[in-house]
Amino acid sequence: MITFYWYHRCSTCKKAKAWLDNQGISYQLVEMIDTPPTQELIEKWMEDNEWPIRRYFNTSGKLYREAGLKDLVGQMTAKEAANKLSQNGMLIKRPILEKDGQVLLGFKEEAYEALVNN
């Protein structure tokens, strides 16, 4: 099962969705602003990947900047970060593609192709 978390006004999300559609990939579409990933799911992603916590945040987003998270994220535990991210989908790096517990943040065609064909 493939789950695609997106924000319908995000141009990168639109590109990723168009790519999935053009490839004939079936997926569950989740509007991450209305239904952000749960804290537990984000924590699992963090456990399964060795990415820095900052990578999960939409660092170019208005909410991230207004909340002054730039200075706070580096001091957060994974649990604290997952809690913060699960409270507001606008804070999360997007789009997110998840398949069988593997996750991709952002959109790179090569990475999407590798994941969906795996």
PDB file of N, CA and C in Angstrom:
ATOM      1  N   MET A   1       0.836  -1.180   0.000  1.00  0.00           N
ATOM      2  CA  MET A   1       0.000   0.000   0.000  1.00  0.00           C
ATOM      3  C   MET A   1       0.885   1.250   0.000  1.00  0.00           C
ATOM      4  N   ILE A   2       0.580   2.157  -0.885  1.00  0.00           N
ATOM      5  CA  ILE A   2       1.318   3.416  -0.978  1.00  0.00           C
ATOM      6  C   ILE A   2       0.427   4.536  -0.458  1.00  0.00           C
ATOM      7  N   THR A   3       0.990   5.351   0.412  1.00  0.00           N
ATOM      8  CA  THR A   3       0.275   6.518   0.925  1.00  0.00           C
ATOM      9  C   THR A   3       1.034   7.757   0.486  1.00  0.00           C
ATOM     10  N   PHE A   4       0.297   8.721  -0.042  1.00  0.00           N
ATOM     11  CA  PHE A   4       0.884   9.971  -0.527  1.00  0.00           C
ATOM     12  C   PHE A   4       0.279  11.120   0.272  1.00  0.00           C
ATOM     13  N   TYR A   5       1.103  11.740   1.115  1.00  0.00           N
ATOM     14  CA  TYR A   5       0.690  12.902   1.904  1.00  0.00           C
ATOM     15  C   TYR A   5       1.054  14.144   1.108  1.00  0.00           C
ATOM     16  N   TRP A   6       0.077  15.027   0.931  1.00  0.00           N
ATOM     17  CA  TRP A   6       0.339  16.218   0.136  1.00  0.00           C
ATOM     18  C   TRP A   6      -0.450  17.401   0.662  1.00  0.00           C
ATOM     19  N   TYR A   7      -0.114  18.574   0.139  1.00  0.00           N
ATOM     20  CA  TYR A   7      -0.875  19.798   0.369  1.00  0.00           C
ATOM     21  C   TYR A   7      -1.261  20.286  -1.020  1.00  0.00           C
ATOM     22  N   HIS A   8      -2.533  20.402  -1.265  1.00  0.00           N
ATOM     23  CA  HIS A   8      -3.032  20.655  -2.623  1.00  0.00           C
ATOM     24  C   HIS A   8      -2.569  21.971  -3.242  1.00  0.00           C
ATOM     25  N   ARG A   9      -2.072  22.900  -2.450  1.00  0.00           N
ATOM     26  CA  ARG A   9      -1.578  24.172  -2.994  1.00  0.00           C
ATOM     27  C   ARG A   9      -0.067  24.188  -3.212  1.00  0.00           C
ATOM     28  N   CYS A  10       0.588  23.118  -2.867  1.00  0.00           N
ATOM     29  CA  CYS A  10       2.052  23.026  -2.978  1.00  0.00           C
ATOM     30  C   CYS A  10       2.436  22.575  -4.385  1.00  0.00           C
ATOM     31  N   SER A  11       3.258  23.366  -5.067  1.00  0.00           N
ATOM     32  CA  SER A  11       3.636  23.038  -6.448  1.00  0.00           C
ATOM     33  C   SER A  11       4.462  21.751  -6.524  1.00  0.00           C
ATOM     34  N   THR A  12       5.324  21.516  -5.561  1.00  0.00           N
ATOM     35  CA  THR A  12       6.108  20.281  -5.555  1.00  0.00           C
ATOM     36  C   THR A  12       5.202  19.072  -5.350  1.00  0.00           C
ATOM     37  N   CYS A  13       4.216  19.223  -4.486  1.00  0.00           N
ATOM     38  CA  CYS A  13       3.247  18.139  -4.265  1.00  0.00           C
ATOM     39  C   CYS A  13       2.474  17.844  -5.546  1.00  0.00           C
ATOM     40  N   LYS A  14       2.100  18.899  -6.257  1.00  0.00           N
ATOM     41  CA  LYS A  14       1.360  18.720  -7.514  1.00  0.00           C
ATOM     42  C   LYS A  14       2.209  17.975  -8.543  1.00  0.00           C
ATOM     43  N   LYS A  15       3.503  18.306  -8.598  1.00  0.00           N
ATOM     44  CA  LYS A  15       4.407  17.618  -9.528  1.00  0.00           C
ATOM     45  C   LYS A  15       4.522  16.137  -9.168  1.00  0.00           C
ATOM     46  N   ALA A  16       4.670  15.864  -7.879  1.00  0.00           N
ATOM     47  CA  ALA A  16       4.800  14.478  -7.428  1.00  0.00           C
ATOM     48  C   ALA A  16       3.522  13.690  -7.704  1.00  0.00           C
ATOM     49  N   LYS A  17       2.385  14.295  -7.444  1.00  0.00           N
ATOM     50  CA  LYS A  17       1.096  13.634  -7.696  1.00  0.00           C
ATOM     51  C   LYS A  17       0.924  13.362  -9.184  1.00  0.00           C
ATOM     52  N   ALA A  18       1.272  14.328 -10.018  1.00  0.00           N
ATOM     53  CA  ALA A  18       1.178  14.148 -11.470  1.00  0.00           C
ATOM     54  C   ALA A  18       2.085  13.001 -11.922  1.00  0.00           C
ATOM     55  N   TRP A  19       3.279  12.917 -11.341  1.00  0.00           N
ATOM     56  CA  TRP A  19       4.192  11.834 -11.696  1.00  0.00           C
ATOM     57  C   TRP A  19       3.579  10.484 -11.336  1.00  0.00           C
ATOM     58  N   LEU A  20       3.039  10.366 -10.115  1.00  0.00           N
ATOM     59  CA  LEU A  20       2.400   9.115  -9.694  1.00  0.00           C
ATOM     60  C   LEU A  20       1.253   8.749 -10.630  1.00  0.00           C
ATOM     61  N   ASP A  21       0.424   9.741 -10.953  1.00  0.00           N
ATOM     62  CA  ASP A  21      -0.720   9.504 -11.838  1.00  0.00           C
ATOM     63  C   ASP A  21      -0.261   9.081 -13.234  1.00  0.00           C
ATOM     64  N   ASN A  22       0.753   9.747 -13.763  1.00  0.00           N
ATOM     65  CA  ASN A  22       1.265   9.420 -15.100  1.00  0.00           C
ATOM     66  C   ASN A  22       1.885   8.026 -15.164  1.00  0.00           C
ATOM     67  N   GLN A  23       2.394   7.560 -14.026  1.00  0.00           N
ATOM     68  CA  GLN A  23       2.983   6.221 -13.960  1.00  0.00           C
ATOM     69  C   GLN A  23       1.919   5.147 -13.725  1.00  0.00           C
ATOM     70  N   GLY A  24       0.689   5.578 -13.479  1.00  0.00           N
ATOM     71  CA  GLY A  24      -0.390   4.626 -13.208  1.00  0.00           C
ATOM     72  C   GLY A  24      -0.290   3.976 -11.841  1.00  0.00           C
ATOM     73  N   ILE A  25       0.351   4.665 -10.912  1.00  0.00           N
ATOM     74  CA  ILE A  25       0.535   4.149  -9.554  1.00  0.00           C
ATOM     75  C   ILE A  25      -0.744   4.404  -8.755  1.00  0.00           C
ATOM     76  N   SER A  26      -1.237   3.381  -8.077  1.00  0.00           N
ATOM     77  CA  SER A  26      -2.395   3.600  -7.203  1.00  0.00           C
ATOM     78  C   SER A  26      -1.878   3.906  -5.793  1.00  0.00           C
ATOM     79  N   TYR A  27      -2.547   4.815  -5.130  1.00  0.00           N
ATOM     80  CA  TYR A  27      -2.102   5.264  -3.812  1.00  0.00           C
ATOM     81  C   TYR A  27      -3.284   5.831  -3.041  1.00  0.00           C
ATOM     82  N   GLN A  28      -3.095   5.898  -1.738  1.00  0.00           N
ATOM     83  CA  GLN A  28      -4.065   6.556  -0.869  1.00  0.00           C
ATOM     84  C   GLN A  28      -3.615   8.006  -0.736  1.00  0.00           C
ATOM     85  N   LEU A  29      -4.494   8.928  -1.056  1.00  0.00           N
ATOM     86  CA  LEU A  29      -4.177  10.355  -1.003  1.00  0.00           C
ATOM     87  C   LEU A  29      -4.607  10.925   0.342  1.00  0.00           C
ATOM     88  N   VAL A  30      -3.677  11.583   1.027  1.00  0.00           N
ATOM     89  CA  VAL A  30      -3.971  12.189   2.330  1.00  0.00           C
ATOM     90  C   VAL A  30      -3.601  13.664   2.274  1.00  0.00           C
ATOM     91  N   GLU A  31      -4.566  14.524   2.541  1.00  0.00           N
ATOM     92  CA  GLU A  31      -4.320  15.971   2.636  1.00  0.00           C
ATOM     93  C   GLU A  31      -3.686  16.210   4.003  1.00  0.00           C
ATOM     94  N   MET A  32      -2.384  16.479   4.013  1.00  0.00           N
ATOM     95  CA  MET A  32      -1.657  16.527   5.282  1.00  0.00           C
ATOM     96  C   MET A  32      -2.012  17.725   6.159  1.00  0.00           C
ATOM     97  N   ILE A  33      -2.676  18.720   5.606  1.00  0.00           N
ATOM     98  CA  ILE A  33      -3.096  19.847   6.430  1.00  0.00           C
ATOM     99  C   ILE A  33      -4.304  19.446   7.272  1.00  0.00           C
ATOM    100  N   ASP A  34      -5.203  18.683   6.668  1.00  0.00           N
ATOM    101  CA  ASP A  34      -6.390  18.211   7.391  1.00  0.00           C
ATOM    102  C   ASP A  34      -6.091  16.995   8.252  1.00  0.00           C
ATOM    103  N   THR A  35      -5.217  16.132   7.767  1.00  0.00           N
ATOM    104  CA  THR A  35      -4.906  14.879   8.454  1.00  0.00           C
ATOM    105  C   THR A  35      -3.396  14.665   8.463  1.00  0.00           C
ATOM    106  N   PRO A  36      -2.683  15.381   9.333  1.00  0.00           N
ATOM    107  CA  PRO A  36      -1.228  15.183   9.376  1.00  0.00           C
ATOM    108  C   PRO A  36      -0.894  13.788   9.907  1.00  0.00           C
ATOM    109  N   PRO A  37       0.279  13.280   9.579  1.00  0.00           N
ATOM    110  CA  PRO A  37       0.688  11.989  10.139  1.00  0.00           C
ATOM    111  C   PRO A  37       0.680  12.061  11.669  1.00  0.00           C
ATOM    112  N   THR A  38       0.408  10.935  12.300  1.00  0.00           N
ATOM    113  CA  THR A  38       0.361  10.899  13.761  1.00  0.00           C
ATOM    114  C   THR A  38       1.763  11.002  14.351  1.00  0.00           C
ATOM    115  N   GLN A  39       1.820  11.362  15.611  1.00  0.00           N
ATOM    116  CA  GLN A  39       3.103  11.437  16.302  1.00  0.00           C
ATOM    117  C   GLN A  39       3.792  10.077  16.264  1.00  0.00           C
ATOM    118  N   GLU A  40       3.033   9.016  16.479  1.00  0.00           N
ATOM    119  CA  GLU A  40       3.603   7.671  16.494  1.00  0.00           C
ATOM    120  C   GLU A  40       4.208   7.310  15.134  1.00  0.00           C
ATOM    121  N   LEU A  41       3.511   7.666  14.063  1.00  0.00           N
ATOM    122  CA  LEU A  41       4.010   7.356  12.724  1.00  0.00           C
ATOM    123  C   LEU A  41       5.285   8.146  12.422  1.00  0.00           C
ATOM    124  N   ILE A  42       5.286   9.422  12.776  1.00  0.00           N
ATOM    125  CA  ILE A  42       6.477  10.251  12.546  1.00  0.00           C
ATOM    126  C   ILE A  42       7.658   9.719  13.362  1.00  0.00           C
ATOM    127  N   GLU A  43       7.398   9.311  14.599  1.00  0.00           N
ATOM    128  CA  GLU A  43       8.465   8.734  15.425  1.00  0.00           C
ATOM    129  C   GLU A  43       9.029   7.475  14.769  1.00  0.00           C
ATOM    130  N   LYS A  44       8.155   6.651  14.201  1.00  0.00           N
ATOM    131  CA  LYS A  44       8.615   5.436  13.519  1.00  0.00           C
ATOM    132  C   LYS A  44       9.493   5.796  12.328  1.00  0.00           C
ATOM    133  N   TRP A  45       9.060   6.792  11.549  1.00  0.00           N
ATOM    134  CA  TRP A  45       9.880   7.228  10.413  1.00  0.00           C
ATOM    135  C   TRP A  45      11.252   7.677  10.898  1.00  0.00           C
ATOM    136  N   MET A  46      11.280   8.402  12.006  1.00  0.00           N
ATOM    137  CA  MET A  46      12.550   8.901  12.540  1.00  0.00           C
ATOM    138  C   MET A  46      13.436   7.754  13.016  1.00  0.00           C
ATOM    139  N   GLU A  47      12.816   6.742  13.624  1.00  0.00           N
ATOM    140  CA  GLU A  47      13.582   5.579  14.083  1.00  0.00           C
ATOM    141  C   GLU A  47      14.161   4.793  12.912  1.00  0.00           C
ATOM    142  N   ASP A  48      13.384   4.680  11.841  1.00  0.00           N
ATOM    143  CA  ASP A  48      13.776   3.852  10.701  1.00  0.00           C
ATOM    144  C   ASP A  48      14.763   4.533   9.755  1.00  0.00           C
ATOM    145  N   ASN A  49      14.915   5.827   9.876  1.00  0.00           N
ATOM    146  CA  ASN A  49      15.816   6.587   9.003  1.00  0.00           C
ATOM    147  C   ASN A  49      16.818   7.346   9.856  1.00  0.00           C
ATOM    148  N   GLU A  50      17.986   7.550   9.323  1.00  0.00           N
ATOM    149  CA  GLU A  50      19.030   8.245  10.074  1.00  0.00           C
ATOM    150  C   GLU A  50      19.134   9.710   9.681  1.00  0.00           C
ATOM    151  N   TRP A  51      18.030  10.268   9.229  1.00  0.00           N
ATOM    152  CA  TRP A  51      18.027  11.672   8.826  1.00  0.00           C
ATOM    153  C   TRP A  51      18.014  12.573  10.051  1.00  0.00           C
ATOM    154  N   PRO A  52      18.606  13.745   9.937  1.00  0.00           N
ATOM    155  CA  PRO A  52      18.506  14.700  11.045  1.00  0.00           C
ATOM    156  C   PRO A  52      17.048  15.146  11.213  1.00  0.00           C
ATOM    157  N   ILE A  53      16.690  15.466  12.415  1.00  0.00           N
ATOM    158  CA  ILE A  53      15.312  15.879  12.723  1.00  0.00           C
ATOM    159  C   ILE A  53      14.883  17.049  11.845  1.00  0.00           C
ATOM    160  N   ARG A  54      15.794  17.965  11.581  1.00  0.00           N
ATOM    161  CA  ARG A  54      15.476  19.149  10.773  1.00  0.00           C
ATOM    162  C   ARG A  54      14.897  18.766   9.406  1.00  0.00           C
ATOM    163  N   ARG A  55      15.289  17.621   8.879  1.00  0.00           N
ATOM    164  CA  ARG A  55      14.834  17.208   7.541  1.00  0.00           C
ATOM    165  C   ARG A  55      13.316  16.998   7.473  1.00  0.00           C
ATOM    166  N   TYR A  56      12.694  16.707   8.582  1.00  0.00           N
ATOM    167  CA  TYR A  56      11.249  16.472   8.610  1.00  0.00           C
ATOM    168  C   TYR A  56      10.448  17.771   8.601  1.00  0.00           C
ATOM    169  N   PHE A  57      11.108  18.872   8.866  1.00  0.00           N
ATOM    170  CA  PHE A  57      10.432  20.169   8.945  1.00  0.00           C
ATOM    171  C   PHE A  57      10.450  20.891   7.604  1.00  0.00           C
ATOM    172  N   ASN A  58       9.380  21.600   7.323  1.00  0.00           N
ATOM    173  CA  ASN A  58       9.281  22.461   6.143  1.00  0.00           C
ATOM    174  C   ASN A  58       9.998  23.765   6.498  1.00  0.00           C
ATOM    175  N   THR A  59      11.310  23.749   6.369  1.00  0.00           N
ATOM    176  CA  THR A  59      12.129  24.871   6.832  1.00  0.00           C
ATOM    177  C   THR A  59      11.927  26.145   6.021  1.00  0.00           C
ATOM    178  N   SER A  60      11.347  26.035   4.849  1.00  0.00           N
ATOM    179  CA  SER A  60      11.078  27.237   4.052  1.00  0.00           C
ATOM    180  C   SER A  60       9.668  27.773   4.280  1.00  0.00           C
ATOM    181  N   GLY A  61       8.927  27.112   5.149  1.00  0.00           N
ATOM    182  CA  GLY A  61       7.544  27.512   5.394  1.00  0.00           C
ATOM    183  C   GLY A  61       7.411  28.711   6.316  1.00  0.00           C
ATOM    184  N   LYS A  62       6.348  29.442   6.106  1.00  0.00           N
ATOM    185  CA  LYS A  62       6.051  30.639   6.895  1.00  0.00           C
ATOM    186  C   LYS A  62       5.869  30.299   8.379  1.00  0.00           C
ATOM    187  N   LEU A  63       5.128  29.242   8.659  1.00  0.00           N
ATOM    188  CA  LEU A  63       4.862  28.864  10.047  1.00  0.00           C
ATOM    189  C   LEU A  63       6.154  28.499  10.782  1.00  0.00           C
ATOM    190  N   TYR A  64       7.047  27.791  10.102  1.00  0.00           N
ATOM    191  CA  TYR A  64       8.338  27.410  10.676  1.00  0.00           C
ATOM    192  C   TYR A  64       9.119  28.661  11.071  1.00  0.00           C
ATOM    193  N   ARG A  65       9.162  29.629  10.168  1.00  0.00           N
ATOM    194  CA  ARG A  65       9.904  30.868  10.433  1.00  0.00           C
ATOM    195  C   ARG A  65       9.240  31.681  11.540  1.00  0.00           C
ATOM    196  N   GLU A  66       7.917  31.830  11.463  1.00  0.00           N
ATOM    197  CA  GLU A  66       7.206  32.644  12.457  1.00  0.00           C
ATOM    198  C   GLU A  66       7.315  32.061  13.861  1.00  0.00           C
ATOM    199  N   ALA A  67       7.373  30.735  13.959  1.00  0.00           N
ATOM    200  CA  ALA A  67       7.460  30.087  15.266  1.00  0.00           C
ATOM    201  C   ALA A  67       8.888  30.067  15.814  1.00  0.00           C
ATOM    202  N   GLY A  68       9.847  30.560  15.033  1.00  0.00           N
ATOM    203  CA  GLY A  68      11.236  30.582  15.482  1.00  0.00           C
ATOM    204  C   GLY A  68      11.819  29.193  15.677  1.00  0.00           C
ATOM    205  N   LEU A  69      11.366  28.240  14.887  1.00  0.00           N
ATOM    206  CA  LEU A  69      11.803  26.857  15.072  1.00  0.00           C
ATOM    207  C   LEU A  69      13.236  26.605  14.629  1.00  0.00           C
ATOM    208  N   LYS A  70      13.792  27.496  13.834  1.00  0.00           N
ATOM    209  CA  LYS A  70      15.163  27.313  13.351  1.00  0.00           C
ATOM    210  C   LYS A  70      16.130  27.050  14.504  1.00  0.00           C
ATOM    211  N   ASP A  71      15.981  27.801  15.571  1.00  0.00           N
ATOM    212  CA  ASP A  71      16.884  27.665  16.714  1.00  0.00           C
ATOM    213  C   ASP A  71      16.472  26.546  17.669  1.00  0.00           C
ATOM    214  N   LEU A  72      15.216  26.109  17.585  1.00  0.00           N
ATOM    215  CA  LEU A  72      14.713  25.106  18.524  1.00  0.00           C
ATOM    216  C   LEU A  72      14.854  23.672  18.029  1.00  0.00           C
ATOM    217  N   VAL A  73      14.745  23.472  16.720  1.00  0.00           N
ATOM    218  CA  VAL A  73      14.724  22.116  16.165  1.00  0.00           C
ATOM    219  C   VAL A  73      15.980  21.330  16.529  1.00  0.00           C
ATOM    220  N   GLY A  74      17.125  21.967  16.501  1.00  0.00           N
ATOM    221  CA  GLY A  74      18.376  21.284  16.817  1.00  0.00           C
ATOM    222  C   GLY A  74      18.459  20.778  18.244  1.00  0.00           C
ATOM    223  N   GLN A  75      17.633  21.314  19.120  1.00  0.00           N
ATOM    224  CA  GLN A  75      17.642  20.914  20.523  1.00  0.00           C
ATOM    225  C   GLN A  75      16.521  19.935  20.864  1.00  0.00           C
ATOM    226  N   MET A  76      15.623  19.671  19.902  1.00  0.00           N
ATOM    227  CA  MET A  76      14.476  18.796  20.156  1.00  0.00           C
ATOM    228  C   MET A  76      14.878  17.325  20.111  1.00  0.00           C
ATOM    229  N   THR A  77      14.217  16.550  20.963  1.00  0.00           N
ATOM    230  CA  THR A  77      14.324  15.100  20.850  1.00  0.00           C
ATOM    231  C   THR A  77      13.412  14.664  19.707  1.00  0.00           C
ATOM    232  N   ALA A  78      13.571  13.435  19.264  1.00  0.00           N
ATOM    233  CA  ALA A  78      12.706  12.916  18.201  1.00  0.00           C
ATOM    234  C   ALA A  78      11.248  12.942  18.651  1.00  0.00           C
ATOM    235  N   LYS A  79      11.004  12.614  19.889  1.00  0.00           N
ATOM    236  CA  LYS A  79       9.633  12.598  20.421  1.00  0.00           C
ATOM    237  C   LYS A  79       9.035  14.004  20.415  1.00  0.00           C
ATOM    238  N   GLU A  80       9.806  14.991  20.844  1.00  0.00           N
ATOM    239  CA  GLU A  80       9.327  16.382  20.849  1.00  0.00           C
ATOM    240  C   GLU A  80       9.058  16.873  19.429  1.00  0.00           C
ATOM    241  N   ALA A  81       9.958  16.552  18.520  1.00  0.00           N
ATOM    242  CA  ALA A  81       9.788  16.980  17.129  1.00  0.00           C
ATOM    243  C   ALA A  81       8.565  16.315  16.509  1.00  0.00           C
ATOM    244  N   ALA A  82       8.408  15.021  16.723  1.00  0.00           N
ATOM    245  CA  ALA A  82       7.257  14.296  16.172  1.00  0.00           C
ATOM    246  C   ALA A  82       5.954  14.856  16.725  1.00  0.00           C
ATOM    247  N   ASN A  83       5.950  15.206  17.993  1.00  0.00           N
ATOM    248  CA  ASN A  83       4.761  15.805  18.601  1.00  0.00           C
ATOM    249  C   ASN A  83       4.436  17.134  17.931  1.00  0.00           C
ATOM    250  N   LYS A  84       5.432  17.975  17.759  1.00  0.00           N
ATOM    251  CA  LYS A  84       5.242  19.289  17.133  1.00  0.00           C
ATOM    252  C   LYS A  84       4.750  19.130  15.692  1.00  0.00           C
ATOM    253  N   LEU A  85       5.371  18.238  14.944  1.00  0.00           N
ATOM    254  CA  LEU A  85       5.007  18.021  13.543  1.00  0.00           C
ATOM    255  C   LEU A  85       3.584  17.480  13.398  1.00  0.00           C
ATOM    256  N   SER A  86       3.201  16.588  14.288  1.00  0.00           N
ATOM    257  CA  SER A  86       1.873  15.968  14.190  1.00  0.00           C
ATOM    258  C   SER A  86       0.750  16.953  14.514  1.00  0.00           C
ATOM    259  N   GLN A  87       1.089  18.061  15.143  1.00  0.00           N
ATOM    260  CA  GLN A  87       0.079  19.057  15.517  1.00  0.00           C
ATOM    261  C   GLN A  87      -0.307  19.973  14.367  1.00  0.00           C
ATOM    262  N   ASN A  88       0.580  20.108  13.368  1.00  0.00           N
ATOM    263  CA  ASN A  88       0.283  21.018  12.258  1.00  0.00           C
ATOM    264  C   ASN A  88       1.007  20.554  10.995  1.00  0.00           C
ATOM    265  N   GLY A  89       0.224  20.088  10.035  1.00  0.00           N
ATOM    266  CA  GLY A  89       0.788  19.575   8.793  1.00  0.00           C
ATOM    267  C   GLY A  89       1.595  20.592   8.004  1.00  0.00           C
ATOM    268  N   MET A  90       1.372  21.886   8.248  1.00  0.00           N
ATOM    269  CA  MET A  90       2.136  22.914   7.532  1.00  0.00           C
ATOM    270  C   MET A  90       3.605  22.933   7.960  1.00  0.00           C
ATOM    271  N   LEU A  91       3.915  22.319   9.075  1.00  0.00           N
ATOM    272  CA  LEU A  91       5.301  22.276   9.547  1.00  0.00           C
ATOM    273  C   LEU A  91       6.112  21.159   8.893  1.00  0.00           C
ATOM    274  N   ILE A  92       5.429  20.216   8.270  1.00  0.00           N
ATOM    275  CA  ILE A  92       6.080  19.010   7.768  1.00  0.00           C
ATOM    276  C   ILE A  92       6.591  19.191   6.342  1.00  0.00           C
ATOM    277  N   LYS A  93       7.790  18.708   6.097  1.00  0.00           N
ATOM    278  CA  LYS A  93       8.360  18.673   4.744  1.00  0.00           C
ATOM    279  C   LYS A  93       7.419  17.860   3.860  1.00  0.00           C
ATOM    280  N   ARG A  94       7.145  18.382   2.680  1.00  0.00           N
ATOM    281  CA  ARG A  94       6.196  17.697   1.808  1.00  0.00           C
ATOM    282  C   ARG A  94       6.678  17.692   0.370  1.00  0.00           C
ATOM    283  N   PRO A  95       6.104  16.804  -0.413  1.00  0.00           N
ATOM    284  CA  PRO A  95       5.167  15.735  -0.073  1.00  0.00           C
ATOM    285  C   PRO A  95       5.882  14.578   0.629  1.00  0.00           C
ATOM    286  N   ILE A  96       5.085  13.651   1.138  1.00  0.00           N
ATOM    287  CA  ILE A  96       5.613  12.443   1.766  1.00  0.00           C
ATOM    288  C   ILE A  96       5.045  11.251   1.010  1.00  0.00           C
ATOM    289  N   LEU A  97       5.913  10.348   0.630  1.00  0.00           N
ATOM    290  CA  LEU A  97       5.489   9.105  -0.010  1.00  0.00           C
ATOM    291  C   LEU A  97       5.908   7.961   0.899  1.00  0.00           C
ATOM    292  N   GLU A  98       4.954   7.124   1.276  1.00  0.00           N
ATOM    293  CA  GLU A  98       5.241   6.001   2.166  1.00  0.00           C
ATOM    294  C   GLU A  98       4.786   4.703   1.510  1.00  0.00           C
ATOM    295  N   LYS A  99       5.673   3.730   1.537  1.00  0.00           N
ATOM    296  CA  LYS A  99       5.339   2.398   1.019  1.00  0.00           C
ATOM    297  C   LYS A  99       5.990   1.355   1.913  1.00  0.00           C
ATOM    298  N   ASP A 100       5.174   0.495   2.474  1.00  0.00           N
ATOM    299  CA  ASP A 100       5.666  -0.614   3.303  1.00  0.00           C
ATOM    300  C   ASP A 100       6.656  -0.152   4.372  1.00  0.00           C
ATOM    301  N   GLY A 101       6.354   0.960   5.015  1.00  0.00           N
ATOM    302  CA  GLY A 101       7.199   1.465   6.086  1.00  0.00           C
ATOM    303  C   GLY A 101       8.364   2.315   5.625  1.00  0.00           C
ATOM    304  N   GLN A 102       8.658   2.328   4.330  1.00  0.00           N
ATOM    305  CA  GLN A 102       9.715   3.197   3.803  1.00  0.00           C
ATOM    306  C   GLN A 102       9.094   4.541   3.465  1.00  0.00           C
ATOM    307  N   VAL A 103       9.854   5.597   3.672  1.00  0.00           N
ATOM    308  CA  VAL A 103       9.299   6.937   3.483  1.00  0.00           C
ATOM    309  C   VAL A 103      10.273   7.825   2.710  1.00  0.00           C
ATOM    310  N   LEU A 104       9.694   8.690   1.883  1.00  0.00           N
ATOM    311  CA  LEU A 104      10.460   9.714   1.175  1.00  0.00           C
ATOM    312  C   LEU A 104       9.869  11.073   1.514  1.00  0.00           C
ATOM    313  N   LEU A 105      10.726  12.041   1.739  1.00  0.00           N
ATOM    314  CA  LEU A 105      10.296  13.417   1.999  1.00  0.00           C
ATOM    315  C   LEU A 105      10.709  14.267   0.813  1.00  0.00           C
ATOM    316  N   GLY A 106       9.798  15.109   0.333  1.00  0.00           N
ATOM    317  CA  GLY A 106      10.086  15.908  -0.845  1.00  0.00           C
ATOM    318  C   GLY A 106       9.835  15.073  -2.095  1.00  0.00           C
ATOM    319  N   PHE A 107      10.218  15.602  -3.251  1.00  0.00           N
ATOM    320  CA  PHE A 107      10.008  14.869  -4.499  1.00  0.00           C
ATOM    321  C   PHE A 107      11.260  14.866  -5.356  1.00  0.00           C
ATOM    322  N   LYS A 108      11.771  13.673  -5.576  1.00  0.00           N
ATOM    323  CA  LYS A 108      12.836  13.428  -6.544  1.00  0.00           C
ATOM    324  C   LYS A 108      12.378  12.224  -7.349  1.00  0.00           C
ATOM    325  N   GLU A 109      12.223  12.442  -8.638  1.00  0.00           N
ATOM    326  CA  GLU A 109      11.662  11.412  -9.509  1.00  0.00           C
ATOM    327  C   GLU A 109      12.389  10.074  -9.379  1.00  0.00           C
ATOM    328  N   GLU A 110      13.717  10.102  -9.334  1.00  0.00           N
ATOM    329  CA  GLU A 110      14.498   8.868  -9.249  1.00  0.00           C
ATOM    330  C   GLU A 110      14.189   8.106  -7.962  1.00  0.00           C
ATOM    331  N   ALA A 111      14.065   8.829  -6.868  1.00  0.00           N
ATOM    332  CA  ALA A 111      13.773   8.194  -5.583  1.00  0.00           C
ATOM    333  C   ALA A 111      12.361   7.610  -5.577  1.00  0.00           C
ATOM    334  N   TYR A 112      11.407   8.345  -6.138  1.00  0.00           N
ATOM    335  CA  TYR A 112      10.034   7.837  -6.227  1.00  0.00           C
ATOM    336  C   TYR A 112      10.001   6.563  -7.063  1.00  0.00           C
ATOM    337  N   GLU A 113      10.699   6.592  -8.198  1.00  0.00           N
ATOM    338  CA  GLU A 113      10.711   5.430  -9.084  1.00  0.00           C
ATOM    339  C   GLU A 113      11.294   4.215  -8.370  1.00  0.00           C
ATOM    340  N   ALA A 114      12.374   4.418  -7.647  1.00  0.00           N
ATOM    341  CA  ALA A 114      13.007   3.319  -6.921  1.00  0.00           C
ATOM    342  C   ALA A 114      12.074   2.755  -5.849  1.00  0.00           C
ATOM    343  N   LEU A 115      11.376   3.622  -5.133  1.00  0.00           N
ATOM    344  CA  LEU A 115      10.500   3.160  -4.059  1.00  0.00           C
ATOM    345  C   LEU A 115       9.271   2.433  -4.601  1.00  0.00           C
ATOM    346  N   VAL A 116       8.609   3.001  -5.583  1.00  0.00           N
ATOM    347  CA  VAL A 116       7.368   2.379  -6.072  1.00  0.00           C
ATOM    348  C   VAL A 116       7.637   1.092  -6.846  1.00  0.00           C
ATOM    349  N   ASN A 117       8.824   0.951  -7.409  1.00  0.00           N
ATOM    350  CA  ASN A 117       9.155  -0.264  -8.158  1.00  0.00           C
ATOM    351  C   ASN A 117       9.877  -1.303  -7.314  1.00  0.00           C
ATOM    352  N   ASN A 118      10.064  -1.019  -6.046  1.00  0.00           N
ATOM    353  CA  ASN A 118      10.750  -1.924  -5.127  1.00  0.00           C
ATOM    354  C   ASN A 118       9.794  -2.987  -4.630  1.00  0.00           C
TER     355      ASN A 118
END
